[in-house]
N, C-alpha and C. Protein backbone atom coordinates (compact mmCIF):
# COMPACT_ATOMS: atom_id res chain seq x y z
N UNK A 1 -38.11 65.52 95.45
CA UNK A 1 -37.71 65.46 96.90
C UNK A 1 -38.95 65.00 97.83
N UNK A 2 -38.14 64.23 98.59
CA UNK A 2 -39.62 64.00 99.56
C UNK A 2 -38.68 64.39 101.04
N UNK A 3 -39.74 65.07 101.92
CA UNK A 3 -39.15 65.59 102.68
C UNK A 3 -40.44 65.79 104.21
N UNK A 4 -40.03 64.96 104.96
CA UNK A 4 -40.43 65.17 106.45
C UNK A 4 -42.11 66.19 106.35
N UNK A 5 -42.74 65.78 107.16
CA UNK A 5 -43.38 66.88 108.29
C UNK A 5 -43.58 66.74 109.33
N UNK A 6 -44.36 68.18 109.78
CA UNK A 6 -44.07 67.54 111.10
C UNK A 6 -45.25 68.50 111.78
N UNK A 7 -46.43 68.75 112.19
CA UNK A 7 -47.18 69.91 112.90
C UNK A 7 -47.50 70.28 111.53
N UNK A 8 -48.03 69.93 110.57
CA UNK A 8 -48.49 70.49 109.34
C UNK A 8 -47.42 70.43 108.25
N UNK A 9 -46.28 71.07 108.71
CA UNK A 9 -45.07 72.02 108.09
C UNK A 9 -43.95 71.42 107.72
N UNK A 10 -43.72 71.29 106.23
CA UNK A 10 -42.48 69.70 105.53
C UNK A 10 -40.84 71.11 106.23
N UNK A 11 -40.08 69.73 106.48
CA UNK A 11 -39.15 69.83 107.10
C UNK A 11 -37.81 70.08 105.46
N UNK A 12 -37.43 71.72 105.49
CA UNK A 12 -36.88 71.94 105.14
C UNK A 12 -35.51 71.59 104.91
N UNK A 13 -34.88 70.78 105.57
CA UNK A 13 -33.25 70.27 105.66
C UNK A 13 -32.70 70.36 104.64
N UNK A 14 -33.73 68.45 103.75
CA UNK A 14 -33.23 68.47 102.10
C UNK A 14 -33.07 69.64 101.44
N UNK A 15 -34.26 70.65 101.54
CA UNK A 15 -33.90 72.11 99.83
C UNK A 15 -32.78 72.33 100.38
N UNK A 16 -32.83 72.95 101.82
CA UNK A 16 -32.24 73.43 102.25
C UNK A 16 -30.55 73.32 101.92
N UNK A 17 -30.29 72.17 101.83
CA UNK A 17 -28.93 71.23 101.40
C UNK A 17 -28.80 71.40 100.13
N UNK A 18 -29.86 71.03 99.61
CA UNK A 18 -29.44 70.91 97.95
C UNK A 18 -29.44 72.62 97.63
N UNK A 19 -29.59 73.71 98.24
CA UNK A 19 -29.94 74.57 98.16
C UNK A 19 -27.84 74.83 98.18
N UNK A 20 -27.29 74.66 99.21
CA UNK A 20 -26.33 74.88 100.22
C UNK A 20 -25.34 74.34 98.96
N UNK A 21 -26.12 72.78 98.35
CA UNK A 21 -25.02 72.08 97.32
C UNK A 21 -24.88 73.33 96.45
N UNK A 22 -25.91 73.88 95.47
CA UNK A 22 -25.82 74.33 94.88
C UNK A 22 -24.61 76.09 94.65
N UNK A 23 -24.90 76.92 96.25
CA UNK A 23 -24.11 77.84 96.15
C UNK A 23 -22.63 77.35 96.36
N UNK A 24 -22.31 75.84 97.06
CA UNK A 24 -20.96 75.26 96.94
C UNK A 24 -20.41 75.15 95.16
N UNK A 25 -21.70 75.19 94.63
CA UNK A 25 -20.85 75.23 93.30
C UNK A 25 -19.90 76.20 92.37
N UNK A 26 -21.94 77.23 92.93
CA UNK A 26 -21.68 78.86 91.97
C UNK A 26 -20.59 78.82 92.89
N UNK A 27 -19.61 78.77 94.33
CA UNK A 27 -18.46 79.94 94.41
C UNK A 27 -17.50 78.76 94.25
N UNK A 28 -17.15 77.61 93.93
CA UNK A 28 -16.34 76.98 93.51
C UNK A 28 -15.97 75.83 94.67
N UNK A 29 -16.28 76.32 95.54
CA UNK A 29 -16.04 75.06 96.86
C UNK A 29 -16.50 73.57 96.24
N UNK A 30 -17.14 72.86 95.29
CA UNK A 30 -17.72 72.34 94.85
C UNK A 30 -17.92 72.30 93.40
N UNK A 31 -15.99 71.16 93.19
CA UNK A 31 -16.28 71.69 91.75
C UNK A 31 -15.76 70.32 91.12
N UNK A 32 -16.17 69.40 91.20
CA UNK A 32 -16.30 68.52 91.02
C UNK A 32 -17.82 67.49 91.73
N UNK A 33 -18.59 66.53 90.35
CA UNK A 33 -19.19 65.27 91.32
C UNK A 33 -19.37 64.93 92.40
N UNK A 34 -18.18 65.51 93.42
CA UNK A 34 -17.78 64.44 94.54
C UNK A 34 -18.12 66.07 96.24
N UNK A 35 -19.51 65.03 96.15
CA UNK A 35 -19.72 65.81 97.47
C UNK A 35 -19.02 65.81 98.82
N UNK A 36 -18.74 66.70 99.51
CA UNK A 36 -17.78 65.87 101.01
C UNK A 36 -18.73 67.18 101.69
N UNK A 37 -19.30 66.41 102.49
CA UNK A 37 -19.25 66.81 104.01
C UNK A 37 -18.50 67.59 105.10
N UNK A 38 -18.01 69.13 104.25
CA UNK A 38 -16.68 69.78 104.49
C UNK A 38 -17.23 70.70 105.19
N UNK A 39 -16.32 71.79 106.43
CA UNK A 39 -17.11 72.60 106.86
C UNK A 39 -17.24 73.73 105.51
N UNK A 40 -16.73 73.84 104.68
CA UNK A 40 -17.75 74.81 103.86
C UNK A 40 -19.33 73.97 103.48
N UNK A 41 -19.57 73.56 103.45
CA UNK A 41 -20.60 72.89 102.92
C UNK A 41 -21.83 72.67 104.34
N UNK A 42 -21.21 72.68 105.37
CA UNK A 42 -21.65 72.65 106.15
C UNK A 42 -21.83 73.88 106.86
N UNK A 43 -21.20 74.51 106.49
CA UNK A 43 -21.46 76.56 106.82
C UNK A 43 -21.95 77.32 106.01
N UNK A 44 -22.36 76.66 104.81
CA UNK A 44 -23.34 77.31 103.66
C UNK A 44 -24.68 76.72 104.13
N UNK A 45 -25.15 75.30 104.58
CA UNK A 45 -26.28 74.55 104.75
C UNK A 45 -26.76 75.87 105.87
N UNK A 46 -25.74 75.85 107.14
CA UNK A 46 -26.02 77.02 108.17
C UNK A 46 -27.01 78.01 108.03
N UNK A 47 -26.66 78.54 107.25
CA UNK A 47 -26.77 80.19 107.01
C UNK A 47 -27.87 80.45 105.85
N UNK A 48 -27.93 79.46 105.12
CA UNK A 48 -29.25 78.93 104.19
C UNK A 48 -30.46 78.66 105.25
N UNK A 49 -29.85 77.43 105.88
CA UNK A 49 -31.28 77.34 107.14
C UNK A 49 -31.56 78.52 107.88
N UNK A 50 -30.54 79.60 108.10
CA UNK A 50 -30.97 80.22 109.48
C UNK A 50 -31.63 81.82 108.35
N UNK A 51 -31.70 81.97 107.83
CA UNK A 51 -31.86 82.65 106.19
C UNK A 51 -34.24 82.80 105.91
N UNK A 52 -33.69 80.99 105.93
CA UNK A 52 -35.05 80.75 105.49
C UNK A 52 -36.28 80.22 105.79
N UNK A 53 -35.75 79.73 107.77
CA UNK A 53 -36.63 79.51 108.20
C UNK A 53 -36.10 80.06 110.00
N UNK A 54 -36.99 79.94 110.89
CA UNK A 54 -37.00 81.14 112.75
C UNK A 54 -36.90 79.79 113.07
N UNK A 55 -37.26 78.29 112.63
CA UNK A 55 -37.36 77.03 112.81
C UNK A 55 -35.65 76.78 113.61
N UNK A 56 -35.77 75.70 114.55
CA UNK A 56 -33.96 75.24 115.11
C UNK A 56 -33.80 75.22 114.18
N UNK A 57 -32.46 75.43 113.50
CA UNK A 57 -31.60 74.09 112.92
C UNK A 57 -31.37 72.87 112.73
N UNK A 58 -31.68 72.00 112.10
CA UNK A 58 -31.59 70.38 112.02
C UNK A 58 -30.26 70.40 111.46
N UNK A 59 -29.46 69.59 111.73
CA UNK A 59 -27.74 69.25 111.38
C UNK A 59 -28.51 69.23 110.31
N UNK A 60 -26.85 69.70 109.57
CA UNK A 60 -26.94 68.89 108.30
C UNK A 60 -26.10 67.72 107.88
N UNK A 61 -26.00 66.97 109.18
CA UNK A 61 -25.56 65.55 109.02
C UNK A 61 -27.04 65.14 108.58
N UNK A 62 -28.14 65.11 109.05
CA UNK A 62 -29.35 63.90 108.13
C UNK A 62 -29.27 64.53 107.00
N UNK A 63 -29.99 65.78 106.02
CA UNK A 63 -30.22 65.77 105.18
C UNK A 63 -29.00 65.61 104.14
N UNK A 64 -27.93 65.97 104.80
CA UNK A 64 -26.97 65.38 103.78
C UNK A 64 -26.59 63.59 103.36
N UNK A 65 -27.09 63.16 104.37
CA UNK A 65 -27.33 61.63 104.60
C UNK A 65 -28.37 60.94 104.18
N UNK A 66 -29.60 61.72 104.49
CA UNK A 66 -30.91 61.15 104.34
C UNK A 66 -30.84 61.62 102.38
N UNK A 67 -30.74 62.72 102.14
CA UNK A 67 -30.46 62.91 100.59
C UNK A 67 -30.69 61.36 100.05
N UNK A 68 -30.11 60.80 100.33
CA UNK A 68 -29.29 59.53 99.55
C UNK A 68 -30.56 58.60 99.85
N UNK A 69 -31.67 58.47 100.20
CA UNK A 69 -32.99 57.96 99.78
C UNK A 69 -33.44 58.51 98.49
N UNK A 70 -33.33 59.38 98.42
CA UNK A 70 -33.56 60.12 96.49
C UNK A 70 -32.71 59.76 95.53
N UNK A 71 -33.91 59.66 94.21
CA UNK A 71 -33.55 58.73 93.08
C UNK A 71 -31.93 59.78 92.63
N UNK A 72 -31.90 60.61 93.22
CA UNK A 72 -30.63 61.44 92.18
C UNK A 72 -29.75 61.77 92.43
N UNK A 73 -29.26 61.43 93.85
CA UNK A 73 -28.32 61.75 95.21
C UNK A 73 -28.31 60.71 95.64
N UNK A 74 -26.38 60.18 95.18
CA UNK A 74 -26.04 58.56 95.94
C UNK A 74 -24.52 58.69 97.28
N UNK A 75 -24.82 58.54 98.17
CA UNK A 75 -23.80 57.96 98.75
C UNK A 75 -23.12 56.88 98.91
N UNK A 76 -21.71 57.96 98.79
CA UNK A 76 -20.31 56.53 98.11
C UNK A 76 -19.50 56.25 100.18
N UNK A 77 -20.17 55.33 100.10
CA UNK A 77 -19.49 54.96 101.75
C UNK A 77 -20.19 53.39 102.49
N UNK A 78 -19.59 53.53 103.52
CA UNK A 78 -21.17 52.26 104.56
C UNK A 78 -22.19 53.00 104.88
N UNK A 79 -23.27 52.53 104.84
CA UNK A 79 -24.70 52.72 105.11
C UNK A 79 -24.40 52.83 106.50
N UNK A 80 -25.25 53.52 107.17
CA UNK A 80 -25.50 53.51 109.02
C UNK A 80 -26.15 52.16 109.63
N UNK A 81 -26.18 52.20 110.78
CA UNK A 81 -27.33 51.42 111.44
C UNK A 81 -28.09 51.71 111.96
N UNK A 82 -28.00 52.80 112.46
CA UNK A 82 -28.43 53.62 113.02
C UNK A 82 -28.31 55.31 112.30
N UNK A 83 -29.30 56.00 113.61
CA UNK A 83 -29.04 57.38 112.68
C UNK A 83 -27.64 57.88 112.72
N UNK A 84 -27.12 58.65 111.66
CA UNK A 84 -26.24 58.40 111.21
C UNK A 84 -25.37 60.16 112.51
N UNK A 85 -24.44 60.36 112.61
CA UNK A 85 -23.51 60.91 112.97
C UNK A 85 -22.36 61.81 112.17
N UNK A 86 -22.35 62.72 113.09
CA UNK A 86 -20.56 63.76 111.80
C UNK A 86 -19.61 63.26 111.60
N UNK A 87 -19.59 61.95 113.19
CA UNK A 87 -17.71 61.54 113.11
C UNK A 87 -18.39 60.23 112.40
N UNK A 88 -19.76 60.11 112.03
CA UNK A 88 -19.99 58.96 111.43
C UNK A 88 -19.48 58.52 109.64
N UNK A 89 -20.32 60.26 109.52
CA UNK A 89 -19.92 60.08 108.41
C UNK A 89 -18.91 60.91 108.25
N UNK A 90 -17.89 61.29 108.58
CA UNK A 90 -16.13 61.88 108.37
C UNK A 90 -15.41 60.29 108.71
N UNK A 91 -15.74 59.28 109.40
CA UNK A 91 -15.01 58.54 109.14
C UNK A 91 -16.32 57.12 108.47
N UNK A 92 -16.80 57.44 107.69
CA UNK A 92 -17.51 56.30 106.67
C UNK A 92 -18.62 57.06 105.59
N UNK A 93 -18.11 57.54 104.91
CA UNK A 93 -18.54 58.61 103.44
C UNK A 93 -17.82 59.03 103.13
N UNK A 94 -17.20 58.63 102.29
CA UNK A 94 -16.50 59.15 101.48
C UNK A 94 -16.95 60.45 100.50
N UNK A 95 -18.15 60.09 99.61
CA UNK A 95 -18.87 61.87 99.45
C UNK A 95 -20.43 60.85 99.45
N UNK A 96 -21.18 62.55 98.92
CA UNK A 96 -22.03 61.89 98.52
C UNK A 96 -21.92 62.53 96.87
N UNK A 97 -22.94 61.72 95.84
CA UNK A 97 -22.69 62.99 94.79
C UNK A 97 -24.51 62.71 93.70
N UNK A 98 -23.99 63.89 92.28
CA UNK A 98 -25.70 63.72 92.12
C UNK A 98 -25.48 62.91 90.77
N UNK A 99 -26.87 62.39 90.37
CA UNK A 99 -27.46 61.80 88.77
C UNK A 99 -26.53 62.72 87.74
N UNK A 100 -25.83 62.13 87.17
CA UNK A 100 -25.03 62.97 86.43
C UNK A 100 -25.61 63.85 85.25
N UNK A 101 -26.94 63.35 84.75
CA UNK A 101 -27.54 64.87 83.93
C UNK A 101 -28.22 65.83 85.16
N UNK A 102 -28.38 66.20 86.38
CA UNK A 102 -29.27 66.66 87.24
C UNK A 102 -27.24 67.08 87.75
N UNK A 103 -26.21 66.85 87.59
CA UNK A 103 -24.72 67.64 87.86
C UNK A 103 -24.78 68.41 86.36
N UNK A 104 -24.77 68.01 85.25
CA UNK A 104 -24.49 68.45 84.30
C UNK A 104 -25.34 69.81 84.06
N UNK A 105 -26.74 69.91 84.30
CA UNK A 105 -27.62 70.77 84.88
C UNK A 105 -27.41 72.18 85.85
N UNK A 106 -26.25 71.31 86.92
CA UNK A 106 -25.97 72.47 87.84
C UNK A 106 -24.55 73.13 87.09
N UNK A 107 -23.81 72.20 86.61
CA UNK A 107 -22.60 72.75 86.33
C UNK A 107 -23.03 74.61 84.68
N UNK A 108 -24.51 74.44 84.39
CA UNK A 108 -25.12 75.84 84.06
C UNK A 108 -25.55 77.10 84.39
N UNK A 109 -24.67 77.74 84.90
CA UNK A 109 -25.81 78.54 85.53
C UNK A 109 -26.72 79.22 85.36
N UNK A 110 -27.91 78.97 83.92
CA UNK A 110 -29.38 79.53 83.60
C UNK A 110 -29.70 78.72 84.52
N UNK A 111 -29.40 77.25 83.86
CA UNK A 111 -29.98 76.50 84.90
C UNK A 111 -30.55 76.30 86.31
N UNK A 112 -29.43 76.90 85.98
CA UNK A 112 -28.72 76.26 88.44
C UNK A 112 -29.85 77.33 88.61
N UNK A 113 -30.13 78.21 88.10
CA UNK A 113 -30.73 79.64 89.18
C UNK A 113 -32.27 79.02 89.05
N UNK A 114 -32.01 78.63 87.71
CA UNK A 114 -33.59 78.44 87.64
C UNK A 114 -33.97 76.64 88.68
N UNK A 115 -33.39 75.84 88.99
CA UNK A 115 -33.49 74.75 89.50
C UNK A 115 -33.71 75.37 91.30
N UNK A 116 -32.41 76.25 90.82
CA UNK A 116 -32.59 76.82 92.86
C UNK A 116 -33.63 77.54 93.48
N UNK A 117 -34.79 78.29 91.66
CA UNK A 117 -35.38 79.21 93.27
C UNK A 117 -37.05 77.97 92.90
N UNK A 118 -36.71 77.04 91.57
CA UNK A 118 -37.64 76.20 91.91
C UNK A 118 -37.77 75.19 93.35
N UNK A 119 -36.72 75.32 93.76
CA UNK A 119 -36.60 74.99 94.64
C UNK A 119 -36.85 75.42 95.71
N UNK A 120 -37.07 76.80 95.70
CA UNK A 120 -36.94 77.99 96.85
C UNK A 120 -38.91 77.89 96.87
N UNK A 121 -39.56 78.21 95.86
CA UNK A 121 -40.94 78.47 94.90
C UNK A 121 -41.97 76.78 95.64
N UNK A 122 -41.42 75.62 95.77
CA UNK A 122 -41.82 74.61 95.95
C UNK A 122 -41.73 74.04 97.16
N UNK A 123 -40.46 74.56 98.00
CA UNK A 123 -40.12 73.89 99.58
C UNK A 123 -40.41 75.08 100.65
N UNK A 124 -40.16 76.08 99.88
CA UNK A 124 -39.98 77.36 101.44
C UNK A 124 -40.78 78.02 101.09
N UNK A 125 -41.27 78.78 99.79
CA UNK A 125 -42.06 79.63 99.86
C UNK A 125 -43.44 79.19 100.05
N UNK A 126 -43.94 77.90 99.73
CA UNK A 126 -45.07 77.73 100.14
C UNK A 126 -45.44 76.63 100.99
N UNK A 127 -44.80 76.54 101.57
CA UNK A 127 -44.06 76.09 103.05
C UNK A 127 -45.53 76.67 104.33
N UNK A 128 -46.43 75.29 104.52
CA UNK A 128 -47.31 75.29 105.36
C UNK A 128 -47.53 73.57 105.98
């Protein structure tokens, strides 16, 4: 996962969004490989961001949309001509989805937990 750097620190917005997706799969608010920009996902993202960082919360709009530049995350809908907004996502993005193989890994509780721990260790605990 490519992450932005500012002042020598990585921006953890994309990793936190992936953790939010994982948690929403665990709690049943995501049940198919169609990730909606929903209140549940936004709330989970905000909660996790606050838990893992003392920085101001990066709007969930950005990681939800910009994860689309990764090889494993796809946006179904219109591409933004400028920086997207929540209104843009609600009106123009149907859903996001994961690579089919990654989705299958996330469905297995043990593998999902391993991937979650890898994200935390690589992007959050090693933050410098």
